């Protein structure tokens, strides 16, 4: 639990909300927004432990690829949210 920061816990909560909203409301766009934002937070901030050469457990830094993928998921969530607002305004 020590490697779970506040943003990772919020990401897990958002992903759970997205999954539940997909099953309960059957609205895939809204579920994709929640899931994309939650998974982006999880991927970009989760720190994993590994063994170093001396056998000690150390916290590995977040690789740049994971950081870029997480930020891309967050940007995609914002774009999907803007698309959802556009659809809501044009159908009203």
PDB file of N, CA and C in Angstrom:
ATOM      1  N   UNK A   1       0.806  -1.193   0.000  1.00  0.00           N
ATOM      2  CA  UNK A   1       0.000   0.000   0.000  1.00  0.00           C
ATOM      3  C   UNK A   1       0.851   1.259   0.000  1.00  0.00           C
ATOM      4  N   UNK A   2       2.142   1.149   0.321  1.00  0.00           N
ATOM      5  CA  UNK A   2       2.971   2.339   0.385  1.00  0.00           C
ATOM      6  C   UNK A   2       3.227   2.939  -0.986  1.00  0.00           C
ATOM      7  N   UNK A   3       3.121   2.127  -2.044  1.00  0.00           N
ATOM      8  CA  UNK A   3       3.383   2.671  -3.377  1.00  0.00           C
ATOM      9  C   UNK A   3       2.123   3.235  -4.026  1.00  0.00           C
ATOM     10  N   UNK A   4       0.998   3.226  -3.322  1.00  0.00           N
ATOM     11  CA  UNK A   4      -0.230   3.802  -3.853  1.00  0.00           C
ATOM     12  C   UNK A   4      -0.354   5.245  -3.379  1.00  0.00           C
ATOM     13  N   UNK A   5      -0.163   6.168  -4.295  1.00  0.00           N
ATOM     14  CA  UNK A   5      -0.316   7.578  -3.953  1.00  0.00           C
ATOM     15  C   UNK A   5      -1.783   7.971  -4.070  1.00  0.00           C
ATOM     16  N   UNK A   6      -2.072   9.197  -3.733  1.00  0.00           N
ATOM     17  CA  UNK A   6      -3.445   9.680  -3.792  1.00  0.00           C
ATOM     18  C   UNK A   6      -3.974   9.658  -5.226  1.00  0.00           C
ATOM     19  N   UNK A   7      -3.134  10.012  -6.183  1.00  0.00           N
ATOM     20  CA  UNK A   7      -3.591  10.022  -7.574  1.00  0.00           C
ATOM     21  C   UNK A   7      -3.868   8.608  -8.093  1.00  0.00           C
ATOM     22  N   UNK A   8      -3.128   7.616  -7.632  1.00  0.00           N
ATOM     23  CA  UNK A   8      -3.391   6.232  -8.030  1.00  0.00           C
ATOM     24  C   UNK A   8      -4.703   5.751  -7.421  1.00  0.00           C
ATOM     25  N   UNK A   9      -4.965   6.113  -6.180  1.00  0.00           N
ATOM     26  CA  UNK A   9      -6.224   5.729  -5.542  1.00  0.00           C
ATOM     27  C   UNK A   9      -7.402   6.402  -6.238  1.00  0.00           C
ATOM     28  N   UNK A  10      -7.252   7.671  -6.612  1.00  0.00           N
ATOM     29  CA  UNK A  10      -8.302   8.366  -7.360  1.00  0.00           C
ATOM     30  C   UNK A  10      -8.493   7.714  -8.723  1.00  0.00           C
ATOM     31  N   UNK A  11      -7.391   7.299  -9.357  1.00  0.00           N
ATOM     32  CA  UNK A  11      -7.483   6.600 -10.638  1.00  0.00           C
ATOM     33  C   UNK A  11      -8.228   5.286 -10.527  1.00  0.00           C
ATOM     34  N   UNK A  12      -7.993   4.543  -9.464  1.00  0.00           N
ATOM     35  CA  UNK A  12      -8.708   3.288  -9.244  1.00  0.00           C
ATOM     36  C   UNK A  12     -10.204   3.569  -9.033  1.00  0.00           C
ATOM     37  N   UNK A  13     -10.505   4.622  -8.284  1.00  0.00           N
ATOM     38  CA  UNK A  13     -11.903   5.000  -8.056  1.00  0.00           C
ATOM     39  C   UNK A  13     -12.585   5.390  -9.368  1.00  0.00           C
ATOM     40  N   UNK A  14     -11.921   6.199 -10.200  1.00  0.00           N
ATOM     41  CA  UNK A  14     -12.500   6.606 -11.487  1.00  0.00           C
ATOM     42  C   UNK A  14     -12.689   5.411 -12.410  1.00  0.00           C
ATOM     43  N   UNK A  15     -11.740   4.490 -12.412  1.00  0.00           N
ATOM     44  CA  UNK A  15     -11.882   3.298 -13.246  1.00  0.00           C
ATOM     45  C   UNK A  15     -13.045   2.433 -12.774  1.00  0.00           C
ATOM     46  N   UNK A  16     -13.234   2.342 -11.465  1.00  0.00           N
ATOM     47  CA  UNK A  16     -14.370   1.576 -10.934  1.00  0.00           C
ATOM     48  C   UNK A  16     -15.692   2.251 -11.291  1.00  0.00           C
ATOM     49  N   UNK A  17     -15.734   3.569 -11.235  1.00  0.00           N
ATOM     50  CA  UNK A  17     -16.943   4.298 -11.623  1.00  0.00           C
ATOM     51  C   UNK A  17     -17.231   4.082 -13.101  1.00  0.00           C
ATOM     52  N   UNK A  18     -16.191   4.109 -13.935  1.00  0.00           N
ATOM     53  CA  UNK A  18     -16.372   3.881 -15.365  1.00  0.00           C
ATOM     54  C   UNK A  18     -16.887   2.490 -15.669  1.00  0.00           C
ATOM     55  N   UNK A  19     -16.348   1.510 -14.999  1.00  0.00           N
ATOM     56  CA  UNK A  19     -16.813   0.146 -15.214  1.00  0.00           C
ATOM     57  C   UNK A  19     -18.257  -0.020 -14.755  1.00  0.00           C
ATOM     58  N   UNK A  20     -18.574   0.536 -13.588  1.00  0.00           N
ATOM     59  CA  UNK A  20     -19.947   0.436 -13.078  1.00  0.00           C
ATOM     60  C   UNK A  20     -20.921   1.189 -13.982  1.00  0.00           C
ATOM     61  N   UNK A  21     -20.512   2.348 -14.489  1.00  0.00           N
ATOM     62  CA  UNK A  21     -21.422   3.100 -15.348  1.00  0.00           C
ATOM     63  C   UNK A  21     -21.644   2.393 -16.679  1.00  0.00           C
ATOM     64  N   UNK A  22     -20.660   1.657 -17.144  1.00  0.00           N
ATOM     65  CA  UNK A  22     -20.851   0.891 -18.373  1.00  0.00           C
ATOM     66  C   UNK A  22     -21.891  -0.207 -18.172  1.00  0.00           C
ATOM     67  N   UNK A  23     -21.832  -0.887 -17.037  1.00  0.00           N
ATOM     68  CA  UNK A  23     -22.777  -1.967 -16.779  1.00  0.00           C
ATOM     69  C   UNK A  23     -24.171  -1.460 -16.408  1.00  0.00           C
ATOM     70  N   UNK A  24     -24.249  -0.320 -15.720  1.00  0.00           N
ATOM     71  CA  UNK A  24     -25.537   0.164 -15.242  1.00  0.00           C
ATOM     72  C   UNK A  24     -26.271   1.032 -16.249  1.00  0.00           C
ATOM     73  N   UNK A  25     -25.567   1.937 -16.928  1.00  0.00           N
ATOM     74  CA  UNK A  25     -26.240   2.881 -17.817  1.00  0.00           C
ATOM     75  C   UNK A  25     -26.134   2.507 -19.288  1.00  0.00           C
ATOM     76  N   UNK A  26     -25.234   1.619 -19.637  1.00  0.00           N
ATOM     77  CA  UNK A  26     -25.017   1.213 -21.026  1.00  0.00           C
ATOM     78  C   UNK A  26     -24.639   2.404 -21.915  1.00  0.00           C
ATOM     79  N   UNK A  27     -23.967   3.401 -21.356  1.00  0.00           N
ATOM     80  CA  UNK A  27     -23.483   4.555 -22.112  1.00  0.00           C
ATOM     81  C   UNK A  27     -21.971   4.402 -22.295  1.00  0.00           C
ATOM     82  N   UNK A  28     -21.529   3.885 -23.446  1.00  0.00           N
ATOM     83  CA  UNK A  28     -20.107   3.598 -23.608  1.00  0.00           C
ATOM     84  C   UNK A  28     -19.222   4.844 -23.659  1.00  0.00           C
ATOM     85  N   UNK A  29     -19.744   5.960 -24.131  1.00  0.00           N
ATOM     86  CA  UNK A  29     -18.914   7.161 -24.205  1.00  0.00           C
ATOM     87  C   UNK A  29     -18.594   7.689 -22.814  1.00  0.00           C
ATOM     88  N   UNK A  30     -19.581   7.733 -21.952  1.00  0.00           N
ATOM     89  CA  UNK A  30     -19.329   8.208 -20.592  1.00  0.00           C
ATOM     90  C   UNK A  30     -18.414   7.238 -19.840  1.00  0.00           C
ATOM     91  N   UNK A  31     -18.604   5.955 -20.042  1.00  0.00           N
ATOM     92  CA  UNK A  31     -17.725   4.969 -19.402  1.00  0.00           C
ATOM     93  C   UNK A  31     -16.296   5.109 -19.921  1.00  0.00           C
ATOM     94  N   UNK A  32     -16.139   5.389 -21.214  1.00  0.00           N
ATOM     95  CA  UNK A  32     -14.799   5.561 -21.788  1.00  0.00           C
ATOM     96  C   UNK A  32     -14.106   6.781 -21.200  1.00  0.00           C
ATOM     97  N   UNK A  33     -14.862   7.827 -20.919  1.00  0.00           N
ATOM     98  CA  UNK A  33     -14.273   9.022 -20.308  1.00  0.00           C
ATOM     99  C   UNK A  33     -13.743   8.703 -18.914  1.00  0.00           C
ATOM    100  N   UNK A  34     -14.586   8.067 -18.085  1.00  0.00           N
ATOM    101  CA  UNK A  34     -14.161   7.701 -16.731  1.00  0.00           C
ATOM    102  C   UNK A  34     -12.977   6.740 -16.758  1.00  0.00           C
ATOM    103  N   UNK A  35     -13.068   5.711 -17.607  1.00  0.00           N
ATOM    104  CA  UNK A  35     -12.001   4.713 -17.658  1.00  0.00           C
ATOM    105  C   UNK A  35     -10.693   5.289 -18.186  1.00  0.00           C
ATOM    106  N   UNK A  36     -10.775   6.138 -19.198  1.00  0.00           N
ATOM    107  CA  UNK A  36      -9.570   6.723 -19.761  1.00  0.00           C
ATOM    108  C   UNK A  36      -8.869   7.615 -18.746  1.00  0.00           C
ATOM    109  N   UNK A  37      -9.631   8.434 -18.046  1.00  0.00           N
ATOM    110  CA  UNK A  37      -9.023   9.303 -17.053  1.00  0.00           C
ATOM    111  C   UNK A  37      -8.448   8.498 -15.886  1.00  0.00           C
ATOM    112  N   UNK A  38      -9.207   7.523 -15.407  1.00  0.00           N
ATOM    113  CA  UNK A  38      -8.721   6.709 -14.288  1.00  0.00           C
ATOM    114  C   UNK A  38      -7.491   5.897 -14.641  1.00  0.00           C
ATOM    115  N   UNK A  39      -7.508   5.257 -15.802  1.00  0.00           N
ATOM    116  CA  UNK A  39      -6.353   4.463 -16.215  1.00  0.00           C
ATOM    117  C   UNK A  39      -5.153   5.345 -16.513  1.00  0.00           C
ATOM    118  N   UNK A  40      -5.388   6.555 -17.021  1.00  0.00           N
ATOM    119  CA  UNK A  40      -4.280   7.488 -17.234  1.00  0.00           C
ATOM    120  C   UNK A  40      -3.606   7.866 -15.924  1.00  0.00           C
ATOM    121  N   UNK A  41      -4.400   8.100 -14.887  1.00  0.00           N
ATOM    122  CA  UNK A  41      -3.827   8.403 -13.576  1.00  0.00           C
ATOM    123  C   UNK A  41      -3.050   7.217 -13.014  1.00  0.00           C
ATOM    124  N   UNK A  42      -3.596   6.029 -13.175  1.00  0.00           N
ATOM    125  CA  UNK A  42      -2.927   4.840 -12.643  1.00  0.00           C
ATOM    126  C   UNK A  42      -1.608   4.595 -13.370  1.00  0.00           C
ATOM    127  N   UNK A  43      -1.645   4.620 -14.700  1.00  0.00           N
ATOM    128  CA  UNK A  43      -0.451   4.298 -15.483  1.00  0.00           C
ATOM    129  C   UNK A  43       0.654   5.324 -15.273  1.00  0.00           C
ATOM    130  N   UNK A  44       0.294   6.597 -15.172  1.00  0.00           N
ATOM    131  CA  UNK A  44       1.335   7.617 -15.094  1.00  0.00           C
ATOM    132  C   UNK A  44       1.918   7.789 -13.697  1.00  0.00           C
ATOM    133  N   UNK A  45       1.261   7.278 -12.658  1.00  0.00           N
ATOM    134  CA  UNK A  45       1.735   7.543 -11.301  1.00  0.00           C
ATOM    135  C   UNK A  45       2.070   6.310 -10.473  1.00  0.00           C
ATOM    136  N   UNK A  46       1.771   5.115 -10.936  1.00  0.00           N
ATOM    137  CA  UNK A  46       2.033   3.919 -10.135  1.00  0.00           C
ATOM    138  C   UNK A  46       3.527   3.627 -10.107  1.00  0.00           C
ATOM    139  N   UNK A  47       4.071   3.504  -8.929  1.00  0.00           N
ATOM    140  CA  UNK A  47       5.500   3.215  -8.755  1.00  0.00           C
ATOM    141  C   UNK A  47       5.659   1.776  -8.283  1.00  0.00           C
ATOM    142  N   UNK A  48       6.460   1.016  -9.000  1.00  0.00           N
ATOM    143  CA  UNK A  48       6.668  -0.389  -8.690  1.00  0.00           C
ATOM    144  C   UNK A  48       8.010  -0.575  -7.992  1.00  0.00           C
ATOM    145  N   UNK A  49       8.111  -1.636  -7.205  1.00  0.00           N
ATOM    146  CA  UNK A  49       9.358  -1.943  -6.496  1.00  0.00           C
ATOM    147  C   UNK A  49      10.113  -3.027  -7.240  1.00  0.00           C
ATOM    148  N   UNK A  50      11.457  -2.964  -7.140  1.00  0.00           N
ATOM    149  CA  UNK A  50      12.300  -3.989  -7.749  1.00  0.00           C
ATOM    150  C   UNK A  50      13.527  -4.179  -6.874  1.00  0.00           C
ATOM    151  N   UNK A  51      14.247  -5.240  -7.143  1.00  0.00           N
ATOM    152  CA  UNK A  51      15.473  -5.528  -6.396  1.00  0.00           C
ATOM    153  C   UNK A  51      16.666  -4.896  -7.108  1.00  0.00           C
ATOM    154  N   UNK A  52      17.543  -4.265  -6.335  1.00  0.00           N
ATOM    155  CA  UNK A  52      18.756  -3.738  -6.939  1.00  0.00           C
ATOM    156  C   UNK A  52      19.864  -4.779  -6.879  1.00  0.00           C
ATOM    157  N   UNK A  53      21.085  -4.397  -7.208  1.00  0.00           N
ATOM    158  CA  UNK A  53      22.205  -5.351  -7.275  1.00  0.00           C
ATOM    159  C   UNK A  53      22.561  -5.936  -5.913  1.00  0.00           C
ATOM    160  N   UNK A  54      22.331  -5.169  -4.846  1.00  0.00           N
ATOM    161  CA  UNK A  54      22.655  -5.653  -3.503  1.00  0.00           C
ATOM    162  C   UNK A  54      21.524  -6.454  -2.871  1.00  0.00           C
ATOM    163  N   UNK A  55      20.402  -6.587  -3.552  1.00  0.00           N
ATOM    164  CA  UNK A  55      19.279  -7.340  -3.023  1.00  0.00           C
ATOM    165  C   UNK A  55      18.304  -6.502  -2.217  1.00  0.00           C
ATOM    166  N   UNK A  56      18.443  -5.195  -2.260  1.00  0.00           N
ATOM    167  CA  UNK A  56      17.536  -4.308  -1.530  1.00  0.00           C
ATOM    168  C   UNK A  56      16.332  -3.963  -2.403  1.00  0.00           C
ATOM    169  N   UNK A  57      15.186  -3.796  -1.769  1.00  0.00           N
ATOM    170  CA  UNK A  57      13.992  -3.363  -2.485  1.00  0.00           C
ATOM    171  C   UNK A  57      14.050  -1.856  -2.671  1.00  0.00           C
ATOM    172  N   UNK A  58      13.980  -1.411  -3.918  1.00  0.00           N
ATOM    173  CA  UNK A  58      13.976   0.017  -4.213  1.00  0.00           C
ATOM    174  C   UNK A  58      12.765   0.328  -5.088  1.00  0.00           C
ATOM    175  N   UNK A  59      12.305   1.568  -5.006  1.00  0.00           N
ATOM    176  CA  UNK A  59      11.196   2.012  -5.829  1.00  0.00           C
ATOM    177  C   UNK A  59      11.759   2.434  -7.182  1.00  0.00           C
ATOM    178  N   UNK A  60      11.290   1.772  -8.226  1.00  0.00           N
ATOM    179  CA  UNK A  60      11.769   2.079  -9.573  1.00  0.00           C
ATOM    180  C   UNK A  60      11.109   3.362 -10.071  1.00  0.00           C
ATOM    181  N   UNK A  61      11.853   4.173 -10.820  1.00  0.00           N
ATOM    182  CA  UNK A  61      11.227   5.378 -11.377  1.00  0.00           C
ATOM    183  C   UNK A  61      10.218   5.010 -12.463  1.00  0.00           C
ATOM    184  N   UNK A  62       9.270   5.921 -12.693  1.00  0.00           N
ATOM    185  CA  UNK A  62       8.264   5.696 -13.720  1.00  0.00           C
ATOM    186  C   UNK A  62       8.927   5.887 -15.083  1.00  0.00           C
ATOM    187  N   UNK A  63       8.866   4.874 -15.971  1.00  0.00           N
ATOM    188  CA  UNK A  63       9.466   5.034 -17.300  1.00  0.00           C
ATOM    189  C   UNK A  63       8.751   6.115 -18.104  1.00  0.00           C
ATOM    190  N   UNK A  64       9.501   6.767 -18.985  1.00  0.00           N
ATOM    191  CA  UNK A  64       8.931   7.855 -19.780  1.00  0.00           C
ATOM    192  C   UNK A  64       7.791   7.370 -20.662  1.00  0.00           C
ATOM    193  N   UNK A  65       7.874   6.133 -21.154  1.00  0.00           N
ATOM    194  CA  UNK A  65       6.801   5.609 -22.014  1.00  0.00           C
ATOM    195  C   UNK A  65       5.500   5.522 -21.234  1.00  0.00           C
ATOM    196  N   UNK A  66       5.555   5.028 -20.006  1.00  0.00           N
ATOM    197  CA  UNK A  66       4.344   4.951 -19.183  1.00  0.00           C
ATOM    198  C   UNK A  66       3.798   6.334 -18.877  1.00  0.00           C
ATOM    199  N   UNK A  67       4.684   7.290 -18.650  1.00  0.00           N
ATOM    200  CA  UNK A  67       4.250   8.651 -18.384  1.00  0.00           C
ATOM    201  C   UNK A  67       3.548   9.239 -19.606  1.00  0.00           C
ATOM    202  N   UNK A  68       4.110   9.025 -20.796  1.00  0.00           N
ATOM    203  CA  UNK A  68       3.496   9.545 -22.023  1.00  0.00           C
ATOM    204  C   UNK A  68       2.166   8.860 -22.321  1.00  0.00           C
ATOM    205  N   UNK A  69       2.084   7.561 -22.102  1.00  0.00           N
ATOM    206  CA  UNK A  69       0.817   6.843 -22.323  1.00  0.00           C
ATOM    207  C   UNK A  69      -0.240   7.328 -21.342  1.00  0.00           C
ATOM    208  N   UNK A  70       0.134   7.528 -20.083  1.00  0.00           N
ATOM    209  CA  UNK A  70      -0.813   8.029 -19.092  1.00  0.00           C
ATOM    210  C   UNK A  70      -1.309   9.426 -19.427  1.00  0.00           C
ATOM    211  N   UNK A  71      -0.399  10.300 -19.831  1.00  0.00           N
ATOM    212  CA  UNK A  71      -0.819  11.643 -20.230  1.00  0.00           C
ATOM    213  C   UNK A  71      -1.671  11.606 -21.483  1.00  0.00           C
ATOM    214  N   UNK A  72      -1.368  10.698 -22.409  1.00  0.00           N
ATOM    215  CA  UNK A  72      -2.198  10.542 -23.604  1.00  0.00           C
ATOM    216  C   UNK A  72      -3.606  10.086 -23.257  1.00  0.00           C
ATOM    217  N   UNK A  73      -3.729   9.179 -22.291  1.00  0.00           N
ATOM    218  CA  UNK A  73      -5.059   8.733 -21.855  1.00  0.00           C
ATOM    219  C   UNK A  73      -5.847   9.861 -21.202  1.00  0.00           C
ATOM    220  N   UNK A  74      -5.165  10.705 -20.430  1.00  0.00           N
ATOM    221  CA  UNK A  74      -5.844  11.836 -19.801  1.00  0.00           C
ATOM    222  C   UNK A  74      -6.293  12.839 -20.853  1.00  0.00           C
ATOM    223  N   UNK A  75      -5.440  13.104 -21.840  1.00  0.00           N
ATOM    224  CA  UNK A  75      -5.820  14.011 -22.937  1.00  0.00           C
ATOM    225  C   UNK A  75      -6.993  13.426 -23.719  1.00  0.00           C
ATOM    226  N   UNK A  76      -6.972  12.114 -23.960  1.00  0.00           N
ATOM    227  CA  UNK A  76      -8.086  11.480 -24.664  1.00  0.00           C
ATOM    228  C   UNK A  76      -9.377  11.595 -23.855  1.00  0.00           C
ATOM    229  N   UNK A  77      -9.287  11.502 -22.529  1.00  0.00           N
ATOM    230  CA  UNK A  77     -10.480  11.661 -21.690  1.00  0.00           C
ATOM    231  C   UNK A  77     -11.053  13.065 -21.821  1.00  0.00           C
ATOM    232  N   UNK A  78     -10.192  14.065 -21.865  1.00  0.00           N
ATOM    233  CA  UNK A  78     -10.669  15.439 -22.023  1.00  0.00           C
ATOM    234  C   UNK A  78     -11.308  15.628 -23.393  1.00  0.00           C
ATOM    235  N   UNK A  79     -10.698  15.071 -24.434  1.00  0.00           N
ATOM    236  CA  UNK A  79     -11.269  15.179 -25.778  1.00  0.00           C
ATOM    237  C   UNK A  79     -12.616  14.455 -25.869  1.00  0.00           C
ATOM    238  N   UNK A  80     -12.715  13.293 -25.251  1.00  0.00           N
ATOM    239  CA  UNK A  80     -13.988  12.577 -25.232  1.00  0.00           C
ATOM    240  C   UNK A  80     -15.052  13.341 -24.450  1.00  0.00           C
ATOM    241  N   UNK A  81     -14.637  13.999 -23.378  1.00  0.00           N
ATOM    242  CA  UNK A  81     -15.588  14.796 -22.610  1.00  0.00           C
ATOM    243  C   UNK A  81     -16.093  15.977 -23.434  1.00  0.00           C
ATOM    244  N   UNK A  82     -15.203  16.629 -24.175  1.00  0.00           N
ATOM    245  CA  UNK A  82     -15.627  17.720 -25.057  1.00  0.00           C
ATOM    246  C   UNK A  82     -16.568  17.208 -26.147  1.00  0.00           C
ATOM    247  N   UNK A  83     -16.291  16.020 -26.666  1.00  0.00           N
ATOM    248  CA  UNK A  83     -17.169  15.418 -27.663  1.00  0.00           C
ATOM    249  C   UNK A  83     -18.540  15.105 -27.068  1.00  0.00           C
ATOM    250  N   UNK A  84     -18.565  14.634 -25.822  1.00  0.00           N
ATOM    251  CA  UNK A  84     -19.833  14.361 -25.136  1.00  0.00           C
ATOM    252  C   UNK A  84     -20.631  15.643 -24.940  1.00  0.00           C
ATOM    253  N   UNK A  85     -19.962  16.726 -24.562  1.00  0.00           N
ATOM    254  CA  UNK A  85     -20.643  18.017 -24.403  1.00  0.00           C
ATOM    255  C   UNK A  85     -21.192  18.480 -25.746  1.00  0.00           C
ATOM    256  N   UNK A  86     -20.418  18.331 -26.814  1.00  0.00           N
ATOM    257  CA  UNK A  86     -20.878  18.704 -28.140  1.00  0.00           C
ATOM    258  C   UNK A  86     -22.127  17.900 -28.541  1.00  0.00           C
ATOM    259  N   UNK A  87     -22.093  16.591 -28.307  1.00  0.00           N
ATOM    260  CA  UNK A  87     -23.268  15.776 -28.631  1.00  0.00           C
ATOM    261  C   UNK A  87     -24.483  16.178 -27.811  1.00  0.00           C
ATOM    262  N   UNK A  88     -24.272  16.482 -26.556  1.00  0.00           N
ATOM    263  CA  UNK A  88     -25.405  16.888 -25.699  1.00  0.00           C
ATOM    264  C   UNK A  88     -25.987  18.216 -26.151  1.00  0.00           C
ATOM    265  N   UNK A  89     -25.144  19.141 -26.576  1.00  0.00           N
ATOM    266  CA  UNK A  89     -25.641  20.452 -26.993  1.00  0.00           C
ATOM    267  C   UNK A  89     -26.324  20.416 -28.352  1.00  0.00           C
ATOM    268  N   UNK A  90     -25.874  19.557 -29.240  1.00  0.00           N
ATOM    269  CA  UNK A  90     -26.487  19.503 -30.565  1.00  0.00           C
ATOM    270  C   UNK A  90     -27.782  18.705 -30.569  1.00  0.00           C
ATOM    271  N   UNK A  91     -27.980  17.805 -29.616  1.00  0.00           N
ATOM    272  CA  UNK A  91     -29.211  17.013 -29.569  1.00  0.00           C
ATOM    273  C   UNK A  91     -30.287  17.650 -28.695  1.00  0.00           C
ATOM    274  N   UNK A  92     -29.945  18.746 -28.035  1.00  0.00           N
ATOM    275  CA  UNK A  92     -30.922  19.380 -27.143  1.00  0.00           C
ATOM    276  C   UNK A  92     -31.854  20.312 -27.872  1.00  0.00           C
TER     277      UNK A  92
END
